[in-house]
PDB file of all heavy atoms in Angstrom:
ATOM      1  N   MET A   1     196.493  81.486 186.997  1.00  0.00           N
ATOM      2  CA  MET A   1     195.310  81.709 186.147  1.00  0.00           C
ATOM      3  C   MET A   1     195.374  83.081 185.488  1.00  0.00           C
ATOM      4  O   MET A   1     194.947  83.252 184.341  1.00  0.00           O
ATOM      5  CB  MET A   1     194.050  81.538 186.969  1.00  0.00           C
ATOM      6  CG  MET A   1     193.826  80.128 187.523  1.00  0.00           C
ATOM      7  SD  MET A   1     193.892  78.848 186.254  1.00  0.00           S
ATOM      8  CE  MET A   1     192.505  79.315 185.243  1.00  0.00           C
ATOM      9  N   HIS A   2     195.862  84.080 186.217  1.00  0.00           N
ATOM     10  CA  HIS A   2     196.035  85.406 185.625  1.00  0.00           C
ATOM     11  C   HIS A   2     196.969  85.328 184.412  1.00  0.00           C
ATOM     12  O   HIS A   2     196.669  85.904 183.352  1.00  0.00           O
ATOM     13  CB  HIS A   2     196.644  86.373 186.650  1.00  0.00           C
ATOM     14  CG  HIS A   2     195.698  86.735 187.759  1.00  0.00           C
ATOM     15  ND1 HIS A   2     196.095  87.423 188.880  1.00  0.00           N
ATOM     16  CD2 HIS A   2     194.371  86.511 187.918  1.00  0.00           C
ATOM     17  CE1 HIS A   2     195.080  87.616 189.681  1.00  0.00           C
ATOM     18  NE2 HIS A   2     194.022  87.056 189.126  1.00  0.00           N
ATOM     19  N   GLU A   3     198.070  84.636 184.580  1.00  0.00           N
ATOM     20  CA  GLU A   3     199.029  84.510 183.501  1.00  0.00           C
ATOM     21  C   GLU A   3     198.373  83.814 182.300  1.00  0.00           C
ATOM     22  O   GLU A   3     198.538  84.198 181.130  1.00  0.00           O
ATOM     23  CB  GLU A   3     200.236  83.695 183.967  1.00  0.00           C
ATOM     24  CG  GLU A   3     201.285  83.488 182.894  1.00  0.00           C
ATOM     25  CD  GLU A   3     202.403  82.601 183.361  1.00  0.00           C
ATOM     26  OE1 GLU A   3     202.475  82.285 184.579  1.00  0.00           O
ATOM     27  OE2 GLU A   3     203.212  82.184 182.528  1.00  0.00           O
ATOM     28  N   LEU A   4     197.599  82.741 182.586  1.00  0.00           N
ATOM     29  CA  LEU A   4     196.949  81.993 181.525  1.00  0.00           C
ATOM     30  C   LEU A   4     195.946  82.863 180.751  1.00  0.00           C
ATOM     31  O   LEU A   4     195.949  82.899 179.510  1.00  0.00           O
ATOM     32  CB  LEU A   4     196.228  80.773 182.098  1.00  0.00           C
ATOM     33  CG  LEU A   4     195.319  79.992 181.156  1.00  0.00           C
ATOM     34  CD1 LEU A   4     196.120  79.363 180.038  1.00  0.00           C
ATOM     35  CD2 LEU A   4     194.503  78.948 181.899  1.00  0.00           C
ATOM     36  N   VAL A   5     195.070  83.582 181.479  1.00  0.00           N
ATOM     37  CA  VAL A   5     194.040  84.374 180.827  1.00  0.00           C
ATOM     38  C   VAL A   5     194.651  85.506 180.007  1.00  0.00           C
ATOM     39  O   VAL A   5     194.211  85.767 178.869  1.00  0.00           O
ATOM     40  CB  VAL A   5     193.060  84.924 181.877  1.00  0.00           C
ATOM     41  CG1 VAL A   5     192.157  85.996 181.262  1.00  0.00           C
ATOM     42  CG2 VAL A   5     192.203  83.813 182.439  1.00  0.00           C
ATOM     43  N   LEU A   6     195.683  86.161 180.521  1.00  0.00           N
ATOM     44  CA  LEU A   6     196.328  87.217 179.762  1.00  0.00           C
ATOM     45  C   LEU A   6     196.981  86.666 178.505  1.00  0.00           C
ATOM     46  O   LEU A   6     196.918  87.279 177.436  1.00  0.00           O
ATOM     47  CB  LEU A   6     197.381  87.915 180.639  1.00  0.00           C
ATOM     48  CG  LEU A   6     196.851  88.868 181.715  1.00  0.00           C
ATOM     49  CD1 LEU A   6     197.997  89.382 182.577  1.00  0.00           C
ATOM     50  CD2 LEU A   6     196.102  90.032 181.088  1.00  0.00           C
ATOM     51  N   SER A   7     197.581  85.505 178.611  1.00  0.00           N
ATOM     52  CA  SER A   7     198.221  84.875 177.459  1.00  0.00           C
ATOM     53  C   SER A   7     197.198  84.527 176.392  1.00  0.00           C
ATOM     54  O   SER A   7     197.375  84.815 175.203  1.00  0.00           O
ATOM     55  CB  SER A   7     198.997  83.631 177.900  1.00  0.00           C
ATOM     56  OG  SER A   7     199.556  82.955 176.782  1.00  0.00           O
ATOM     57  N   LEU A   8     196.089  83.911 176.798  1.00  0.00           N
ATOM     58  CA  LEU A   8     195.040  83.515 175.843  1.00  0.00           C
ATOM     59  C   LEU A   8     194.393  84.741 175.228  1.00  0.00           C
ATOM     60  O   LEU A   8     194.079  84.743 174.047  1.00  0.00           O
ATOM     61  CB  LEU A   8     193.991  82.657 176.544  1.00  0.00           C
ATOM     62  CG  LEU A   8     194.442  81.254 177.006  1.00  0.00           C
ATOM     63  CD1 LEU A   8     193.383  80.597 177.838  1.00  0.00           C
ATOM     64  CD2 LEU A   8     194.789  80.378 175.795  1.00  0.00           C
ATOM     65  N   TRP A   9     194.208  85.761 176.040  1.00  0.00           N
ATOM     66  CA  TRP A   9     193.614  87.002 175.512  1.00  0.00           C
ATOM     67  C   TRP A   9     194.503  87.623 174.429  1.00  0.00           C
ATOM     68  O   TRP A   9     194.013  88.054 173.372  1.00  0.00           O
ATOM     69  CB  TRP A   9     193.402  87.995 176.663  1.00  0.00           C
ATOM     70  CG  TRP A   9     193.023  89.362 176.255  1.00  0.00           C
ATOM     71  CD1 TRP A   9     191.914  89.750 175.535  1.00  0.00           C
ATOM     72  CD2 TRP A   9     193.741  90.570 176.532  1.00  0.00           C
ATOM     73  NE1 TRP A   9     191.894  91.107 175.349  1.00  0.00           N
ATOM     74  CE2 TRP A   9     193.011  91.628 175.949  1.00  0.00           C
ATOM     75  CE3 TRP A   9     194.922  90.842 177.214  1.00  0.00           C
ATOM     76  CZ2 TRP A   9     193.429  92.971 176.034  1.00  0.00           C
ATOM     77  CZ3 TRP A   9     195.332  92.159 177.296  1.00  0.00           C
ATOM     78  CH2 TRP A   9     194.599  93.191 176.719  1.00  0.00           C
ATOM     79  N   ARG A  10     195.792  87.651 174.671  1.00  0.00           N
ATOM     80  CA  ARG A  10     196.711  88.202 173.679  1.00  0.00           C
ATOM     81  C   ARG A  10     196.726  87.372 172.398  1.00  0.00           C
ATOM     82  O   ARG A  10     196.803  87.913 171.284  1.00  0.00           O
ATOM     83  CB  ARG A  10     198.122  88.291 174.260  1.00  0.00           C
ATOM     84  CG  ARG A  10     198.247  89.266 175.418  1.00  0.00           C
ATOM     85  CD  ARG A  10     199.659  89.287 175.977  1.00  0.00           C
ATOM     86  NE  ARG A  10     200.617  89.832 175.029  1.00  0.00           N
ATOM     87  CZ  ARG A  10     201.931  89.797 175.193  1.00  0.00           C
ATOM     88  NH1 ARG A  10     202.437  89.240 176.264  1.00  0.00           N
ATOM     89  NH2 ARG A  10     202.734  90.310 174.303  1.00  0.00           N
ATOM     90  N   GLU A  11     196.633  86.059 172.535  1.00  0.00           N
ATOM     91  CA  GLU A  11     196.692  85.171 171.382  1.00  0.00           C
ATOM     92  C   GLU A  11     195.415  85.240 170.551  1.00  0.00           C
ATOM     93  O   GLU A  11     195.453  85.181 169.310  1.00  0.00           O
ATOM     94  CB  GLU A  11     196.911  83.732 171.826  1.00  0.00           C
ATOM     95  CG  GLU A  11     198.295  83.469 172.403  1.00  0.00           C
ATOM     96  CD  GLU A  11     198.416  82.072 172.962  1.00  0.00           C
ATOM     97  OE1 GLU A  11     197.483  81.279 172.773  1.00  0.00           O
ATOM     98  OE2 GLU A  11     199.451  81.761 173.602  1.00  0.00           O
ATOM     99  N   THR A  12     194.264  85.341 171.205  1.00  0.00           N
ATOM    100  CA  THR A  12     192.986  85.226 170.501  1.00  0.00           C
ATOM    101  C   THR A  12     192.347  86.576 170.146  1.00  0.00           C
ATOM    102  O   THR A  12     191.550  86.643 169.214  1.00  0.00           O
ATOM    103  CB  THR A  12     191.965  84.448 171.337  1.00  0.00           C
ATOM    104  OG1 THR A  12     191.722  85.175 172.572  1.00  0.00           O
ATOM    105  CG2 THR A  12     192.508  83.071 171.688  1.00  0.00           C
ATOM    106  N   GLY A  13     192.674  87.619 170.858  1.00  0.00           N
ATOM    107  CA  GLY A  13     192.038  88.916 170.608  1.00  0.00           C
ATOM    108  C   GLY A  13     190.588  88.970 171.025  1.00  0.00           C
ATOM    109  O   GLY A  13     189.823  89.840 170.595  1.00  0.00           O
ATOM    110  N   THR A  14     190.182  88.022 171.881  1.00  0.00           N
ATOM    111  CA  THR A  14     188.788  87.964 172.350  1.00  0.00           C
ATOM    112  C   THR A  14     188.465  89.174 173.228  1.00  0.00           C
ATOM    113  O   THR A  14     189.296  89.633 174.013  1.00  0.00           O
ATOM    114  CB  THR A  14     188.571  86.672 173.172  1.00  0.00           C
ATOM    115  OG1 THR A  14     188.947  85.557 172.391  1.00  0.00           O
ATOM    116  CG2 THR A  14     187.133  86.528 173.593  1.00  0.00           C
ATOM    117  N   THR A  15     187.268  89.701 173.068  1.00  0.00           N
ATOM    118  CA  THR A  15     186.777  90.757 173.953  1.00  0.00           C
ATOM    119  C   THR A  15     186.326  90.116 175.252  1.00  0.00           C
ATOM    120  O   THR A  15     185.478  89.201 175.238  1.00  0.00           O
ATOM    121  CB  THR A  15     185.617  91.516 173.297  1.00  0.00           C
ATOM    122  OG1 THR A  15     186.039  92.027 172.040  1.00  0.00           O
ATOM    123  CG2 THR A  15     185.161  92.669 174.196  1.00  0.00           C
ATOM    124  N   ILE A  16     186.859  90.571 176.383  1.00  0.00           N
ATOM    125  CA  ILE A  16     186.593  89.929 177.678  1.00  0.00           C
ATOM    126  C   ILE A  16     185.897  90.906 178.628  1.00  0.00           C
ATOM    127  O   ILE A  16     186.302  92.067 178.726  1.00  0.00           O
ATOM    128  CB  ILE A  16     187.881  89.404 178.327  1.00  0.00           C
ATOM    129  CG1 ILE A  16     188.512  88.312 177.437  1.00  0.00           C
ATOM    130  CG2 ILE A  16     187.607  88.829 179.730  1.00  0.00           C
ATOM    131  CD1 ILE A  16     189.826  87.746 177.993  1.00  0.00           C
ATOM    132  N   PHE A  17     184.863  90.405 179.299  1.00  0.00           N
ATOM    133  CA  PHE A  17     184.233  91.111 180.422  1.00  0.00           C
ATOM    134  C   PHE A  17     184.386  90.223 181.635  1.00  0.00           C
ATOM    135  O   PHE A  17     184.004  89.053 181.618  1.00  0.00           O
ATOM    136  CB  PHE A  17     182.741  91.354 180.174  1.00  0.00           C
ATOM    137  CG  PHE A  17     182.427  92.321 179.072  1.00  0.00           C
ATOM    138  CD1 PHE A  17     182.391  91.896 177.741  1.00  0.00           C
ATOM    139  CD2 PHE A  17     182.167  93.644 179.339  1.00  0.00           C
ATOM    140  CE1 PHE A  17     182.095  92.780 176.716  1.00  0.00           C
ATOM    141  CE2 PHE A  17     181.861  94.544 178.334  1.00  0.00           C
ATOM    142  CZ  PHE A  17     181.833  94.114 177.015  1.00  0.00           C
ATOM    143  N   MET A  18     184.970  90.735 182.700  1.00  0.00           N
ATOM    144  CA  MET A  18     185.195  89.939 183.905  1.00  0.00           C
ATOM    145  C   MET A  18     184.697  90.647 185.130  1.00  0.00           C
ATOM    146  O   MET A  18     185.132  91.771 185.434  1.00  0.00           O
ATOM    147  CB  MET A  18     186.673  89.592 184.082  1.00  0.00           C
ATOM    148  CG  MET A  18     186.923  88.593 185.208  1.00  0.00           C
ATOM    149  SD  MET A  18     188.646  88.197 185.480  1.00  0.00           S
ATOM    150  CE  MET A  18     189.112  89.517 186.609  1.00  0.00           C
ATOM    151  N   VAL A  19     183.799  90.000 185.890  1.00  0.00           N
ATOM    152  CA  VAL A  19     183.349  90.490 187.180  1.00  0.00           C
ATOM    153  C   VAL A  19     184.299  90.007 188.242  1.00  0.00           C
ATOM    154  O   VAL A  19     184.676  88.820 188.262  1.00  0.00           O
ATOM    155  CB  VAL A  19     181.905  90.005 187.487  1.00  0.00           C
ATOM    156  CG1 VAL A  19     181.545  90.273 188.937  1.00  0.00           C
ATOM    157  CG2 VAL A  19     180.905  90.657 186.556  1.00  0.00           C
ATOM    158  N   THR A  20     184.727  90.892 189.137  1.00  0.00           N
ATOM    159  CA  THR A  20     185.591  90.505 190.225  1.00  0.00           C
ATOM    160  C   THR A  20     185.304  91.369 191.451  1.00  0.00           C
ATOM    161  O   THR A  20     184.906  92.532 191.324  1.00  0.00           O
ATOM    162  CB  THR A  20     187.082  90.620 189.848  1.00  0.00           C
ATOM    163  OG1 THR A  20     187.907  90.299 190.970  1.00  0.00           O
ATOM    164  CG2 THR A  20     187.427  92.024 189.368  1.00  0.00           C
ATOM    165  N   HIS A  21     185.492  90.779 192.639  1.00  0.00           N
ATOM    166  CA  HIS A  21     185.418  91.556 193.878  1.00  0.00           C
ATOM    167  C   HIS A  21     186.777  92.082 194.289  1.00  0.00           C
ATOM    168  O   HIS A  21     186.889  92.873 195.222  1.00  0.00           O
ATOM    169  CB  HIS A  21     184.838  90.684 195.016  1.00  0.00           C
ATOM    170  CG  HIS A  21     183.350  90.688 195.070  1.00  0.00           C
ATOM    171  ND1 HIS A  21     182.578  89.657 194.572  1.00  0.00           N
ATOM    172  CD2 HIS A  21     182.487  91.616 195.543  1.00  0.00           C
ATOM    173  CE1 HIS A  21     181.305  89.938 194.772  1.00  0.00           C
ATOM    174  NE2 HIS A  21     181.224  91.122 195.327  1.00  0.00           N
ATOM    175  N   ASP A  22     187.813  91.624 193.591  1.00  0.00           N
ATOM    176  CA  ASP A  22     189.192  91.970 193.940  1.00  0.00           C
ATOM    177  C   ASP A  22     189.632  93.161 193.098  1.00  0.00           C
ATOM    178  O   ASP A  22     189.903  93.050 191.891  1.00  0.00           O
ATOM    179  CB  ASP A  22     190.095  90.758 193.676  1.00  0.00           C
ATOM    180  CG  ASP A  22     191.517  90.983 194.189  1.00  0.00           C
ATOM    181  OD1 ASP A  22     191.964  92.125 194.232  1.00  0.00           O
ATOM    182  OD2 ASP A  22     192.178  89.967 194.502  1.00  0.00           O
ATOM    183  N   LEU A  23     189.714  94.349 193.734  1.00  0.00           N
ATOM    184  CA  LEU A  23     190.066  95.556 192.999  1.00  0.00           C
ATOM    185  C   LEU A  23     191.450  95.443 192.373  1.00  0.00           C
ATOM    186  O   LEU A  23     191.665  95.867 191.234  1.00  0.00           O
ATOM    187  CB  LEU A  23     189.989  96.759 193.953  1.00  0.00           C
ATOM    188  CG  LEU A  23     190.049  98.147 193.319  1.00  0.00           C
ATOM    189  CD1 LEU A  23     188.870  98.368 192.410  1.00  0.00           C
ATOM    190  CD2 LEU A  23     190.099  99.215 194.423  1.00  0.00           C
ATOM    191  N   LYS A  24     192.379  94.868 193.110  1.00  0.00           N
ATOM    192  CA  LYS A  24     193.748  94.697 192.592  1.00  0.00           C
ATOM    193  C   LYS A  24     193.749  93.819 191.341  1.00  0.00           C
ATOM    194  O   LYS A  24     194.426  94.116 190.344  1.00  0.00           O
ATOM    195  CB  LYS A  24     194.645  94.076 193.670  1.00  0.00           C
ATOM    196  CG  LYS A  24     196.088  93.898 193.230  1.00  0.00           C
ATOM    197  CD  LYS A  24     196.909  93.280 194.369  1.00  0.00           C
ATOM    198  CE  LYS A  24     198.350  93.026 193.904  1.00  0.00           C
ATOM    199  NZ  LYS A  24     199.155  92.382 195.007  1.00  0.00           N
ATOM    200  N   GLU A  25     192.954  92.738 191.372  1.00  0.00           N
ATOM    201  CA  GLU A  25     192.862  91.853 190.211  1.00  0.00           C
ATOM    202  C   GLU A  25     192.261  92.602 189.031  1.00  0.00           C
ATOM    203  O   GLU A  25     192.712  92.431 187.896  1.00  0.00           O
ATOM    204  CB  GLU A  25     191.975  90.656 190.588  1.00  0.00           C
ATOM    205  CG  GLU A  25     191.800  89.635 189.473  1.00  0.00           C
ATOM    206  CD  GLU A  25     190.987  88.437 189.932  1.00  0.00           C
ATOM    207  OE1 GLU A  25     189.752  88.584 190.152  1.00  0.00           O
ATOM    208  OE2 GLU A  25     191.566  87.343 190.086  1.00  0.00           O
TER     209      GLU A  25
END
């Protein structure tokens, strides 16, 4: 899923806000 989201973000240029409890993520 990380690979997918990064790929889609690069393709679309969408501004993303993501809440996570995982500091490494």
